PDB file of N, CA and C in Angstrom:
ATOM      1  N   GLY A   1     -29.810  -3.021  51.977  1.00  0.00           N
ATOM      2  CA  GLY A   1     -28.449  -3.075  52.406  1.00  0.00           C
ATOM      3  C   GLY A   1     -28.172  -4.176  53.419  1.00  0.00           C
ATOM      4  N   ARG A   2     -29.126  -5.045  53.682  1.00  0.00           N
ATOM      5  CA  ARG A   2     -28.944  -6.122  54.658  1.00  0.00           C
ATOM      6  C   ARG A   2     -28.870  -7.469  53.950  1.00  0.00           C
ATOM      7  N   VAL A   3     -28.434  -8.468  54.658  1.00  0.00           N
ATOM      8  CA  VAL A   3     -28.331  -9.814  54.109  1.00  0.00           C
ATOM      9  C   VAL A   3     -29.607 -10.574  54.440  1.00  0.00           C
ATOM     10  N   LEU A   4     -30.129 -11.311  53.466  1.00  0.00           N
ATOM     11  CA  LEU A   4     -31.297 -12.154  53.672  1.00  0.00           C
ATOM     12  C   LEU A   4     -30.831 -13.597  53.592  1.00  0.00           C
ATOM     13  N   VAL A   5     -31.267 -14.400  54.528  1.00  0.00           N
ATOM     14  CA  VAL A   5     -30.836 -15.788  54.597  1.00  0.00           C
ATOM     15  C   VAL A   5     -32.045 -16.696  54.417  1.00  0.00           C
ATOM     16  N   TYR A   6     -31.893 -17.741  53.641  1.00  0.00           N
ATOM     17  CA  TYR A   6     -32.938 -18.750  53.465  1.00  0.00           C
ATOM     18  C   TYR A   6     -32.838 -19.742  54.608  1.00  0.00           C
ATOM     19  N   GLU A   7     -33.934 -19.952  55.295  1.00  0.00           N
ATOM     20  CA  GLU A   7     -33.968 -20.916  56.398  1.00  0.00           C
ATOM     21  C   GLU A   7     -35.215 -21.774  56.244  1.00  0.00           C
ATOM     22  N   PRO A   8     -35.073 -22.984  55.726  1.00  0.00           N
ATOM     23  CA  PRO A   8     -36.244 -23.830  55.461  1.00  0.00           C
ATOM     24  C   PRO A   8     -37.027 -24.227  56.713  1.00  0.00           C
ATOM     25  N   ARG A   9     -36.422 -24.160  57.890  1.00  0.00           N
ATOM     26  CA  ARG A   9     -37.124 -24.522  59.122  1.00  0.00           C
ATOM     27  C   ARG A   9     -37.886 -23.341  59.728  1.00  0.00           C
ATOM     28  N   ALA A  10     -37.759 -22.169  59.113  1.00  0.00           N
ATOM     29  CA  ALA A  10     -38.409 -20.978  59.669  1.00  0.00           C
ATOM     30  C   ALA A  10     -39.928 -21.123  59.619  1.00  0.00           C
ATOM     31  N   VAL A  11     -40.588 -20.566  60.609  1.00  0.00           N
ATOM     32  CA  VAL A  11     -42.044 -20.568  60.677  1.00  0.00           C
ATOM     33  C   VAL A  11     -42.503 -19.113  60.593  1.00  0.00           C
ATOM     34  N   VAL A  12     -43.430 -18.857  59.705  1.00  0.00           N
ATOM     35  CA  VAL A  12     -43.958 -17.509  59.544  1.00  0.00           C
ATOM     36  C   VAL A  12     -45.447 -17.543  59.855  1.00  0.00           C
ATOM     37  N   ARG A  13     -45.871 -16.626  60.682  1.00  0.00           N
ATOM     38  CA  ARG A  13     -47.303 -16.521  61.006  1.00  0.00           C
ATOM     39  C   ARG A  13     -47.842 -15.250  60.383  1.00  0.00           C
ATOM     40  N   HIS A  14     -49.001 -15.361  59.826  1.00  0.00           N
ATOM     41  CA  HIS A  14     -49.657 -14.206  59.222  1.00  0.00           C
ATOM     42  C   HIS A  14     -50.938 -13.933  59.997  1.00  0.00           C
ATOM     43  N   TYR A  15     -51.030 -12.756  60.541  1.00  0.00           N
ATOM     44  CA  TYR A  15     -52.201 -12.397  61.339  1.00  0.00           C
ATOM     45  C   TYR A  15     -53.136 -11.515  60.518  1.00  0.00           C
ATOM     46  N   GLY A  16     -54.409 -11.818  60.562  1.00  0.00           N
ATOM     47  CA  GLY A  16     -55.400 -10.996  59.881  1.00  0.00           C
ATOM     48  C   GLY A  16     -55.536  -9.636  60.549  1.00  0.00           C
ATOM     49  N   ARG A  17     -55.925  -8.675  59.788  1.00  0.00           N
ATOM     50  CA  ARG A  17     -56.097  -7.317  60.310  1.00  0.00           C
ATOM     51  C   ARG A  17     -57.469  -7.177  60.943  1.00  0.00           C
ATOM     52  N   ARG A  18     -57.554  -6.408  62.009  1.00  0.00           N
ATOM     53  CA  ARG A  18     -58.800  -6.269  62.763  1.00  0.00           C
ATOM     54  C   ARG A  18     -59.755  -5.239  62.162  1.00  0.00           C
ATOM     55  N   ASP A  19     -59.222  -4.310  61.378  1.00  0.00           N
ATOM     56  CA  ASP A  19     -60.102  -3.289  60.810  1.00  0.00           C
ATOM     57  C   ASP A  19     -59.616  -2.905  59.416  1.00  0.00           C
ATOM     58  N   VAL A  20     -60.465  -2.202  58.699  1.00  0.00           N
ATOM     59  CA  VAL A  20     -60.163  -1.837  57.309  1.00  0.00           C
ATOM     60  C   VAL A  20     -58.957  -0.907  57.241  1.00  0.00           C
ATOM     61  N   GLY A  21     -58.804  -0.014  58.217  1.00  0.00           N
ATOM     62  CA  GLY A  21     -57.658   0.896  58.215  1.00  0.00           C
ATOM     63  C   GLY A  21     -56.334   0.157  58.267  1.00  0.00           C
ATOM     64  N   ALA A  22     -56.252  -0.855  59.120  1.00  0.00           N
ATOM     65  CA  ALA A  22     -55.028  -1.645  59.218  1.00  0.00           C
ATOM     66  C   ALA A  22     -54.797  -2.444  57.944  1.00  0.00           C
ATOM     67  N   LEU A  23     -55.859  -2.963  57.363  1.00  0.00           N
ATOM     68  CA  LEU A  23     -55.729  -3.706  56.106  1.00  0.00           C
ATOM     69  C   LEU A  23     -55.321  -2.770  54.972  1.00  0.00           C
ATOM     70  N   ARG A  24     -55.839  -1.560  54.968  1.00  0.00           N
ATOM     71  CA  ARG A  24     -55.460  -0.559  53.964  1.00  0.00           C
ATOM     72  C   ARG A  24     -53.963  -0.281  54.057  1.00  0.00           C
ATOM     73  N   THR A  25     -53.465  -0.129  55.280  1.00  0.00           N
ATOM     74  CA  THR A  25     -52.033   0.100  55.489  1.00  0.00           C
ATOM     75  C   THR A  25     -51.215  -1.083  54.982  1.00  0.00           C
ATOM     76  N   GLN A  26     -51.698  -2.289  55.251  1.00  0.00           N
ATOM     77  CA  GLN A  26     -51.007  -3.485  54.776  1.00  0.00           C
ATOM     78  C   GLN A  26     -50.987  -3.532  53.252  1.00  0.00           C
ATOM     79  N   MET A  27     -52.100  -3.235  52.614  1.00  0.00           N
ATOM     80  CA  MET A  27     -52.163  -3.263  51.154  1.00  0.00           C
ATOM     81  C   MET A  27     -51.217  -2.219  50.546  1.00  0.00           C
ATOM     82  N   PHE A  28     -51.163  -1.027  51.153  1.00  0.00           N
ATOM     83  CA  PHE A  28     -50.221  -0.004  50.708  1.00  0.00           C
ATOM     84  C   PHE A  28     -48.796  -0.548  50.825  1.00  0.00           C
ATOM     85  N   GLY A  29     -48.515  -1.216  51.927  1.00  0.00           N
ATOM     86  CA  GLY A  29     -47.188  -1.792  52.129  1.00  0.00           C
ATOM     87  C   GLY A  29     -46.846  -2.860  51.113  1.00  0.00           C
ATOM     88  N   TYR A  30     -47.821  -3.696  50.763  1.00  0.00           N
ATOM     89  CA  TYR A  30     -47.579  -4.703  49.722  1.00  0.00           C
ATOM     90  C   TYR A  30     -47.183  -4.026  48.413  1.00  0.00           C
ATOM     91  N   GLY A  31     -47.951  -3.015  48.013  1.00  0.00           N
ATOM     92  CA  GLY A  31     -47.663  -2.330  46.750  1.00  0.00           C
ATOM     93  C   GLY A  31     -46.336  -1.603  46.779  1.00  0.00           C
ATOM     94  N   SER A  32     -46.086  -0.851  47.849  1.00  0.00           N
ATOM     95  CA  SER A  32     -44.846  -0.071  47.902  1.00  0.00           C
ATOM     96  C   SER A  32     -43.634  -0.989  47.997  1.00  0.00           C
ATOM     97  N   GLY A  33     -43.755  -2.080  48.727  1.00  0.00           N
ATOM     98  CA  GLY A  33     -42.635  -3.017  48.834  1.00  0.00           C
ATOM     99  C   GLY A  33     -42.312  -3.667  47.497  1.00  0.00           C
ATOM    100  N   MET A  34     -43.343  -4.081  46.771  1.00  0.00           N
ATOM    101  CA  MET A  34     -43.110  -4.727  45.480  1.00  0.00           C
ATOM    102  C   MET A  34     -42.455  -3.768  44.487  1.00  0.00           C
ATOM    103  N   SER A  35     -42.984  -2.555  44.390  1.00  0.00           N
ATOM    104  CA  SER A  35     -42.395  -1.634  43.409  1.00  0.00           C
ATOM    105  C   SER A  35     -41.008  -1.175  43.843  1.00  0.00           C
ATOM    106  N   ALA A  36     -40.742  -1.078  45.142  1.00  0.00           N
ATOM    107  CA  ALA A  36     -39.397  -0.725  45.606  1.00  0.00           C
ATOM    108  C   ALA A  36     -38.394  -1.813  45.226  1.00  0.00           C
ATOM    109  N   VAL A  37     -38.788  -3.071  45.357  1.00  0.00           N
ATOM    110  CA  VAL A  37     -37.900  -4.175  44.964  1.00  0.00           C
ATOM    111  C   VAL A  37     -37.635  -4.131  43.461  1.00  0.00           C
ATOM    112  N   ILE A  38     -38.660  -3.832  42.683  1.00  0.00           N
ATOM    113  CA  ILE A  38     -38.476  -3.736  41.236  1.00  0.00           C
ATOM    114  C   ILE A  38     -37.487  -2.620  40.905  1.00  0.00           C
ATOM    115  N   VAL A  39     -37.643  -1.468  41.541  1.00  0.00           N
ATOM    116  CA  VAL A  39     -36.725  -0.348  41.304  1.00  0.00           C
ATOM    117  C   VAL A  39     -35.311  -0.719  41.735  1.00  0.00           C
ATOM    118  N   LYS A  40     -35.186  -1.398  42.858  1.00  0.00           N
ATOM    119  CA  LYS A  40     -33.853  -1.815  43.326  1.00  0.00           C
ATOM    120  C   LYS A  40     -33.158  -2.658  42.268  1.00  0.00           C
ATOM    121  N   HIS A  41     -33.864  -3.622  41.707  1.00  0.00           N
ATOM    122  CA  HIS A  41     -33.268  -4.482  40.683  1.00  0.00           C
ATOM    123  C   HIS A  41     -33.038  -3.727  39.382  1.00  0.00           C
ATOM    124  N   PHE A  42     -33.891  -2.776  39.102  1.00  0.00           N
ATOM    125  CA  PHE A  42     -33.745  -1.965  37.893  1.00  0.00           C
ATOM    126  C   PHE A  42     -32.438  -1.181  37.930  1.00  0.00           C
ATOM    127  N   VAL A  43     -32.149  -0.556  39.062  1.00  0.00           N
ATOM    128  CA  VAL A  43     -30.941   0.273  39.154  1.00  0.00           C
ATOM    129  C   VAL A  43     -29.691  -0.555  39.433  1.00  0.00           C
ATOM    130  N   ALA A  44     -29.846  -1.816  39.824  1.00  0.00           N
ATOM    131  CA  ALA A  44     -28.691  -2.649  40.179  1.00  0.00           C
ATOM    132  C   ALA A  44     -27.788  -2.944  38.989  1.00  0.00           C
ATOM    133  N   SER A  45     -28.369  -3.132  37.815  1.00  0.00           N
ATOM    134  CA  SER A  45     -27.545  -3.436  36.644  1.00  0.00           C
ATOM    135  C   SER A  45     -28.325  -3.187  35.364  1.00  0.00           C
ATOM    136  N   PRO A  46     -27.615  -2.832  34.297  1.00  0.00           N
ATOM    137  CA  PRO A  46     -28.291  -2.634  32.998  1.00  0.00           C
ATOM    138  C   PRO A  46     -29.019  -3.883  32.518  1.00  0.00           C
ATOM    139  N   ARG A  47     -28.456  -5.063  32.793  1.00  0.00           N
ATOM    140  CA  ARG A  47     -29.114  -6.299  32.351  1.00  0.00           C
ATOM    141  C   ARG A  47     -30.453  -6.476  33.064  1.00  0.00           C
ATOM    142  N   ASN A  48     -30.488  -6.175  34.350  1.00  0.00           N
ATOM    143  CA  ASN A  48     -31.750  -6.231  35.086  1.00  0.00           C
ATOM    144  C   ASN A  48     -32.752  -5.249  34.497  1.00  0.00           C
ATOM    145  N   ALA A  49     -32.292  -4.041  34.201  1.00  0.00           N
ATOM    146  CA  ALA A  49     -33.178  -3.005  33.680  1.00  0.00           C
ATOM    147  C   ALA A  49     -33.824  -3.444  32.368  1.00  0.00           C
ATOM    148  N   VAL A  50     -33.046  -4.037  31.494  1.00  0.00           N
ATOM    149  CA  VAL A  50     -33.581  -4.497  30.202  1.00  0.00           C
ATOM    150  C   VAL A  50     -34.658  -5.563  30.422  1.00  0.00           C
ATOM    151  N   GLY A  51     -34.403  -6.503  31.297  1.00  0.00           N
ATOM    152  CA  GLY A  51     -35.381  -7.550  31.587  1.00  0.00           C
ATOM    153  C   GLY A  51     -36.648  -6.996  32.211  1.00  0.00           C
ATOM    154  N   ILE A  52     -36.510  -6.035  33.107  1.00  0.00           N
ATOM    155  CA  ILE A  52     -37.681  -5.436  33.753  1.00  0.00           C
ATOM    156  C   ILE A  52     -38.516  -4.674  32.738  1.00  0.00           C
ATOM    157  N   ILE A  53     -37.861  -3.898  31.892  1.00  0.00           N
ATOM    158  CA  ILE A  53     -38.587  -3.141  30.870  1.00  0.00           C
ATOM    159  C   ILE A  53     -39.343  -4.091  29.944  1.00  0.00           C
ATOM    160  N   ALA A  54     -38.717  -5.203  29.596  1.00  0.00           N
ATOM    161  CA  ALA A  54     -39.371  -6.173  28.713  1.00  0.00           C
ATOM    162  C   ALA A  54     -40.606  -6.791  29.364  1.00  0.00           C
ATOM    163  N   ARG A  55     -40.576  -6.961  30.683  1.00  0.00           N
ATOM    164  CA  ARG A  55     -41.695  -7.597  31.390  1.00  0.00           C
ATOM    165  C   ARG A  55     -42.732  -6.604  31.907  1.00  0.00           C
ATOM    166  N   LEU A  56     -42.428  -5.330  31.835  1.00  0.00           N
ATOM    167  CA  LEU A  56     -43.309  -4.323  32.408  1.00  0.00           C
ATOM    168  C   LEU A  56     -44.727  -4.331  31.831  1.00  0.00           C
ATOM    169  N   PRO A  57     -44.921  -4.397  30.508  1.00  0.00           N
ATOM    170  CA  PRO A  57     -46.305  -4.411  29.998  1.00  0.00           C
ATOM    171  C   PRO A  57     -47.137  -5.576  30.543  1.00  0.00           C
ATOM    172  N   ALA A  58     -46.563  -6.772  30.586  1.00  0.00           N
ATOM    173  CA  ALA A  58     -47.298  -7.928  31.106  1.00  0.00           C
ATOM    174  C   ALA A  58     -47.567  -7.758  32.599  1.00  0.00           C
ATOM    175  N   GLY A  59     -46.604  -7.218  33.334  1.00  0.00           N
ATOM    176  CA  GLY A  59     -46.791  -6.990  34.758  1.00  0.00           C
ATOM    177  C   GLY A  59     -47.888  -5.980  35.038  1.00  0.00           C
ATOM    178  N   LEU A  60     -47.931  -4.921  34.247  1.00  0.00           N
ATOM    179  CA  LEU A  60     -48.982  -3.913  34.419  1.00  0.00           C
ATOM    180  C   LEU A  60     -50.353  -4.478  34.083  1.00  0.00           C
ATOM    181  N   ARG A  61     -50.429  -5.316  33.036  1.00  0.00           N
ATOM    182  CA  ARG A  61     -51.708  -5.964  32.707  1.00  0.00           C
ATOM    183  C   ARG A  61     -52.180  -6.829  33.868  1.00  0.00           C
ATOM    184  N   LYS A  62     -51.256  -7.601  34.427  1.00  0.00           N
ATOM    185  CA  LYS A  62     -51.616  -8.475  35.555  1.00  0.00           C
ATOM    186  C   LYS A  62     -52.078  -7.645  36.753  1.00  0.00           C
ATOM    187  N   LEU A  63     -51.438  -6.522  36.976  1.00  0.00           N
ATOM    188  CA  LEU A  63     -51.772  -5.667  38.109  1.00  0.00           C
ATOM    189  C   LEU A  63     -53.103  -4.948  37.915  1.00  0.00           C
ATOM    190  N   LEU A  64     -53.372  -4.485  36.702  1.00  0.00           N
ATOM    191  CA  LEU A  64     -54.504  -3.580  36.480  1.00  0.00           C
ATOM    192  C   LEU A  64     -55.732  -4.202  35.828  1.00  0.00           C
ATOM    193  N   HIS A  65     -55.553  -5.226  35.018  1.00  0.00           N
ATOM    194  CA  HIS A  65     -56.696  -5.777  34.281  1.00  0.00           C
ATOM    195  C   HIS A  65     -57.617  -6.554  35.218  1.00  0.00           C
ATOM    196  N   PRO A  66     -58.923  -6.241  35.207  1.00  0.00           N
ATOM    197  CA  PRO A  66     -59.855  -6.927  36.114  1.00  0.00           C
ATOM    198  C   PRO A  66     -59.924  -8.442  35.901  1.00  0.00           C
ATOM    199  N   GLY A  67     -59.597  -8.918  34.692  1.00  0.00           N
ATOM    200  CA  GLY A  67     -59.670 -10.341  34.404  1.00  0.00           C
ATOM    201  C   GLY A  67     -58.377 -11.099  34.638  1.00  0.00           C
ATOM    202  N   SER A  68     -57.330 -10.420  35.130  1.00  0.00           N
ATOM    203  CA  SER A  68     -56.055 -11.112  35.359  1.00  0.00           C
ATOM    204  C   SER A  68     -56.192 -12.079  36.531  1.00  0.00           C
ATOM    205  N   GLU A  69     -55.291 -13.065  36.585  1.00  0.00           N
ATOM    206  CA  GLU A  69     -55.363 -14.047  37.680  1.00  0.00           C
ATOM    207  C   GLU A  69     -55.208 -13.387  39.045  1.00  0.00           C
ATOM    208  N   LYS A  70     -54.560 -12.230  39.082  1.00  0.00           N
ATOM    209  CA  LYS A  70     -54.411 -11.505  40.346  1.00  0.00           C
ATOM    210  C   LYS A  70     -55.730 -10.890  40.791  1.00  0.00           C
ATOM    211  N   ASN A  71     -56.541 -10.457  39.853  1.00  0.00           N
ATOM    212  CA  ASN A  71     -57.741  -9.689  40.188  1.00  0.00           C
ATOM    213  C   ASN A  71     -59.055 -10.431  40.019  1.00  0.00           C
ATOM    214  N   VAL A  72     -59.071 -11.551  39.350  1.00  0.00           N
ATOM    215  CA  VAL A  72     -60.331 -12.209  39.036  1.00  0.00           C
ATOM    216  C   VAL A  72     -61.101 -12.637  40.284  1.00  0.00           C
ATOM    217  N   GLY A  73     -60.423 -12.981  41.344  1.00  0.00           N
ATOM    218  CA  GLY A  73     -61.100 -13.403  42.565  1.00  0.00           C
ATOM    219  C   GLY A  73     -61.490 -12.261  43.479  1.00  0.00           C
ATOM    220  N   ARG A  74     -61.243 -11.047  43.063  1.00  0.00           N
ATOM    221  CA  ARG A  74     -61.501  -9.884  43.914  1.00  0.00           C
ATOM    222  C   ARG A  74     -62.878  -9.273  43.684  1.00  0.00           C
ATOM    223  N   VAL A  75     -63.851 -10.078  43.394  1.00  0.00           N
ATOM    224  CA  VAL A  75     -65.198  -9.567  43.137  1.00  0.00           C
ATOM    225  C   VAL A  75     -65.724  -8.815  44.353  1.00  0.00           C
ATOM    226  N   GLU A  76     -65.535  -9.375  45.519  1.00  0.00           N
ATOM    227  CA  GLU A  76     -66.026  -8.766  46.757  1.00  0.00           C
ATOM    228  C   GLU A  76     -64.958  -7.909  47.443  1.00  0.00           C
ATOM    229  N   PHE A  77     -63.802  -7.786  46.831  1.00  0.00           N
ATOM    230  CA  PHE A  77     -62.689  -7.054  47.421  1.00  0.00           C
ATOM    231  C   PHE A  77     -62.989  -5.555  47.390  1.00  0.00           C
ATOM    232  N   PRO A  78     -62.940  -4.873  48.530  1.00  0.00           N
ATOM    233  CA  PRO A  78     -63.252  -3.436  48.546  1.00  0.00           C
ATOM    234  C   PRO A  78     -62.304  -2.631  47.661  1.00  0.00           C
ATOM    235  N   ARG A  79     -62.876  -1.794  46.823  1.00  0.00           N
ATOM    236  CA  ARG A  79     -62.062  -0.980  45.909  1.00  0.00           C
ATOM    237  C   ARG A  79     -61.082  -0.097  46.660  1.00  0.00           C
ATOM    238  N   GLU A  80     -61.470   0.323  47.828  1.00  0.00           N
ATOM    239  CA  GLU A  80     -60.608   1.159  48.664  1.00  0.00           C
ATOM    240  C   GLU A  80     -59.265   0.455  48.930  1.00  0.00           C
ATOM    241  N   LEU A  81     -59.300  -0.858  49.114  1.00  0.00           N
ATOM    242  CA  LEU A  81     -58.075  -1.602  49.374  1.00  0.00           C
ATOM    243  C   LEU A  81     -57.243  -1.758  48.110  1.00  0.00           C
ATOM    244  N   ALA A  82     -57.900  -1.981  46.988  1.00  0.00           N
ATOM    245  CA  ALA A  82     -57.181  -2.063  45.720  1.00  0.00           C
ATOM    246  C   ALA A  82     -56.512  -0.728  45.408  1.00  0.00           C
ATOM    247  N   ARG A  83     -57.198   0.375  45.685  1.00  0.00           N
ATOM    248  CA  ARG A  83     -56.605   1.705  45.453  1.00  0.00           C
ATOM    249  C   ARG A  83     -55.413   1.928  46.382  1.00  0.00           C
ATOM    250  N   ALA A  84     -55.504   1.461  47.609  1.00  0.00           N
ATOM    251  CA  ALA A  84     -54.378   1.593  48.539  1.00  0.00           C
ATOM    252  C   ALA A  84     -53.159   0.845  48.008  1.00  0.00           C
ATOM    253  N   GLU A  85     -53.383  -0.343  47.465  1.00  0.00           N
ATOM    254  CA  GLU A  85     -52.281  -1.109  46.898  1.00  0.00           C
ATOM    255  C   GLU A  85     -51.661  -0.368  45.716  1.00  0.00           C
ATOM    256  N   LEU A  86     -52.501   0.193  44.846  1.00  0.00           N
ATOM    257  CA  LEU A  86     -51.995   0.943  43.689  1.00  0.00           C
ATOM    258  C   LEU A  86     -51.237   2.193  44.131  1.00  0.00           C
ATOM    259  N   ARG A  87     -51.731   2.877  45.167  1.00  0.00           N
ATOM    260  CA  ARG A  87     -50.988   4.030  45.702  1.00  0.00           C
ATOM    261  C   ARG A  87     -49.620   3.578  46.210  1.00  0.00           C
ATOM    262  N   GLY A  88     -49.591   2.404  46.816  1.00  0.00           N
ATOM    263  CA  GLY A  88     -48.321   1.859  47.274  1.00  0.00           C
ATOM    264  C   GLY A  88     -47.364   1.610  46.124  1.00  0.00           C
ATOM    265  N   TYR A  89     -47.876   1.042  45.028  1.00  0.00           N
ATOM    266  CA  TYR A  89     -47.032   0.823  43.853  1.00  0.00           C
ATOM    267  C   TYR A  89     -46.463   2.146  43.354  1.00  0.00           C
ATOM    268  N   ALA A  90     -47.272   3.188  43.353  1.00  0.00           N
ATOM    269  CA  ALA A  90     -46.801   4.498  42.894  1.00  0.00           C
ATOM    270  C   ALA A  90     -45.777   5.095  43.852  1.00  0.00           C
ATOM    271  N   ALA A  91     -45.945   4.869  45.144  1.00  0.00           N
ATOM    272  CA  ALA A  91     -45.054   5.460  46.146  1.00  0.00           C
ATOM    273  C   ALA A  91     -43.760   4.672  46.326  1.00  0.00           C
ATOM    274  N   GLY A  92     -43.738   3.406  45.968  1.00  0.00           N
ATOM    275  CA  GLY A  92     -42.580   2.555  46.211  1.00  0.00           C
ATOM    276  C   GLY A  92     -41.259   3.098  45.711  1.00  0.00           C
ATOM    277  N   PRO A  93     -41.185   3.579  44.465  1.00  0.00           N
ATOM    278  CA  PRO A  93     -39.895   4.118  43.989  1.00  0.00           C
ATOM    279  C   PRO A  93     -39.401   5.300  44.827  1.00  0.00           C
ATOM    280  N   ILE A  94     -40.303   6.179  45.207  1.00  0.00           N
ATOM    281  CA  ILE A  94     -39.913   7.332  46.026  1.00  0.00           C
ATOM    282  C   ILE A  94     -39.444   6.862  47.401  1.00  0.00           C
ATOM    283  N   LEU A  95     -40.176   5.932  47.992  1.00  0.00           N
ATOM    284  CA  LEU A  95     -39.791   5.411  49.305  1.00  0.00           C
ATOM    285  C   LEU A  95     -38.452   4.683  49.237  1.00  0.00           C
ATOM    286  N   TYR A  96     -38.196   3.991  48.139  1.00  0.00           N
ATOM    287  CA  TYR A  96     -36.909   3.305  47.962  1.00  0.00           C
ATOM    288  C   TYR A  96     -35.766   4.311  47.933  1.00  0.00           C
ATOM    289  N   VAL A  97     -35.922   5.363  47.154  1.00  0.00           N
ATOM    290  CA  VAL A  97     -34.868   6.387  47.058  1.00  0.00           C
ATOM    291  C   VAL A  97     -34.635   7.033  48.417  1.00  0.00           C
ATOM    292  N   ARG A  98     -35.705   7.354  49.122  1.00  0.00           N
ATOM    293  CA  ARG A  98     -35.556   7.941  50.463  1.00  0.00           C
ATOM    294  C   ARG A  98     -34.811   7.001  51.406  1.00  0.00           C
ATOM    295  N   SER A  99     -35.144   5.719  51.325  1.00  0.00           N
ATOM    296  CA  SER A  99     -34.507   4.730  52.187  1.00  0.00           C
ATOM    297  C   SER A  99     -33.014   4.632  51.895  1.00  0.00           C
ATOM    298  N   ARG A 100     -32.661   4.620  50.628  1.00  0.00           N
ATOM    299  CA  ARG A 100     -31.244   4.557  50.246  1.00  0.00           C
ATOM    300  C   ARG A 100     -30.490   5.786  50.752  1.00  0.00           C
ATOM    301  N   ARG A 101     -31.103   6.949  50.606  1.00  0.00           N
ATOM    302  CA  ARG A 101     -30.455   8.181  51.088  1.00  0.00           C
ATOM    303  C   ARG A 101     -30.274   8.140  52.598  1.00  0.00           C
ATOM    304  N   ALA A 102     -31.282   7.688  53.312  1.00  0.00           N
ATOM    305  CA  ALA A 102     -31.185   7.602  54.770  1.00  0.00           C
ATOM    306  C   ALA A 102     -30.091   6.619  55.183  1.00  0.00           C
ATOM    307  N   ALA A 103     -29.983   5.501  54.474  1.00  0.00           N
ATOM    308  CA  ALA A 103     -28.942   4.508  54.792  1.00  0.00           C
ATOM    309  C   ALA A 103     -27.559   5.107  54.558  1.00  0.00           C
ATOM    310  N   ARG A 104     -27.407   5.865  53.462  1.00  0.00           N
ATOM    311  CA  ARG A 104     -26.116   6.526  53.200  1.00  0.00           C
ATOM    312  C   ARG A 104     -25.760   7.512  54.301  1.00  0.00           C
ATOM    313  N   ARG A 105     -26.758   8.289  54.740  1.00  0.00           N
ATOM    314  CA  ARG A 105     -26.506   9.254  55.823  1.00  0.00           C
ATOM    315  C   ARG A 105     -26.093   8.532  57.105  1.00  0.00           C
ATOM    316  N   ARG A 106     -26.741   7.417  57.413  1.00  0.00           N
ATOM    317  CA  ARG A 106     -26.382   6.659  58.616  1.00  0.00           C
ATOM    318  C   ARG A 106     -24.961   6.120  58.522  1.00  0.00           C
ATOM    319  N   ARG A 107     -24.586   5.613  57.346  1.00  0.00           N
ATOM    320  CA  ARG A 107     -23.225   5.082  57.166  1.00  0.00           C
ATOM    321  C   ARG A 107     -22.188   6.190  57.303  1.00  0.00           C
ATOM    322  N   ARG A 108     -22.493   7.376  56.774  1.00  0.00           N
ATOM    323  CA  ARG A 108     -21.547   8.495  56.903  1.00  0.00           C
ATOM    324  C   ARG A 108     -21.429   8.929  58.371  1.00  0.00           C
ATOM    325  N   ALA A 109     -22.537   8.891  59.082  1.00  0.00           N
ATOM    326  CA  ALA A 109     -22.542   9.310  60.482  1.00  0.00           C
ATOM    327  C   ALA A 109     -21.811   8.310  61.372  1.00  0.00           C
ATOM    328  N   ASP A 110     -21.914   7.025  61.049  1.00  0.00           N
ATOM    329  CA  ASP A 110     -21.281   5.985  61.860  1.00  0.00           C
ATOM    330  C   ASP A 110     -20.754   4.884  60.963  1.00  0.00           C
ATOM    331  N   PRO A 111     -19.570   5.068  60.383  1.00  0.00           N
ATOM    332  CA  PRO A 111     -19.041   4.083  59.423  1.00  0.00           C
ATOM    333  C   PRO A 111     -18.813   2.700  60.013  1.00  0.00           C
ATOM    334  N   LEU A 112     -18.733   2.568  61.322  1.00  0.00           N
ATOM    335  CA  LEU A 112     -18.518   1.254  61.931  1.00  0.00           C
ATOM    336  C   LEU A 112     -19.748   0.355  61.856  1.00  0.00           C
ATOM    337  N   THR A 113     -20.927   0.937  61.579  1.00  0.00           N
ATOM    338  CA  THR A 113     -22.146   0.140  61.477  1.00  0.00           C
ATOM    339  C   THR A 113     -22.453  -0.292  60.061  1.00  0.00           C
ATOM    340  N   ASP A 114     -21.576   0.010  59.124  1.00  0.00           N
ATOM    341  CA  ASP A 114     -21.789  -0.349  57.718  1.00  0.00           C
ATOM    342  C   ASP A 114     -21.814  -1.871  57.580  1.00  0.00           C
ATOM    343  N   PRO A 115     -22.961  -2.442  57.082  1.00  0.00           N
ATOM    344  CA  PRO A 115     -23.076  -3.899  56.977  1.00  0.00           C
ATOM    345  C   PRO A 115     -22.266  -4.487  55.832  1.00  0.00           C
ATOM    346  N   ALA A 116     -21.755  -3.661  54.936  1.00  0.00           N
ATOM    347  CA  ALA A 116     -21.053  -4.162  53.745  1.00  0.00           C
ATOM    348  C   ALA A 116     -19.681  -4.654  54.009  1.00  0.00           C
TER     349      ALA A 116
END
């Protein structure tokens, strides 16, 4: 429900995680964020939904097949982290729906804060 702005001069820093638990949380976040965005676009319009459904088999192959370009370099990648990412993908749609409901409740509670 917020506006995203492209800023070519922006600087983004990425910090490595200090322990496996923090990295596991990050991997879960990557998965849940990606699948939530997919669900958002799916429900946004029928045309989006048709395109997503058409691309879903290839996307799942890329995500799950050990020989895909996404996974081929993960020989030493701990399986625990890959499972966390997959759990995130599974949880993303539910988290998206919860987020939308919470945003609606906030708008009803305080209509002056509605960003739309």
